[in-house]
């Protein structure tokens, strides 16, 4: 089994900054992609940023230049540094990891695609 724990969401004023963290646990052998998504009230969940295991990053246009995704492979953790936040960034932010883990009982590898529980980011004065 693999599970993710997110932290870092908060209420912040426009122009402020936050850093989100997402840590994975479980018998993981490989994490291929770490991603951050968000879902605002009444809207579909959208990809905000992603990073692959070779360091390739991808951002949605609305956050380019303001958000930075990074990862620590040893800690199995992804981060999302968010600067110059505005009210349009208000949403529940979810992390998503995809990779491989080992089912220890039978020592068989298996793909995983798991989501964090979500963390609320509210940008308001």
Foldseek 3Di string as FASTA:
>chain_A
DKAKAKDWADEAAAQAKIKMKIFMDAQFDDWAKKWKWWDDPPGDIDTAKMAGPVGDMDGDPVQPPFWDWDDDVVRRMIMIIGGRDDQVPWTWMKMWIWHWGAPVVVRDIDIDIYMYPTGTHGYHD
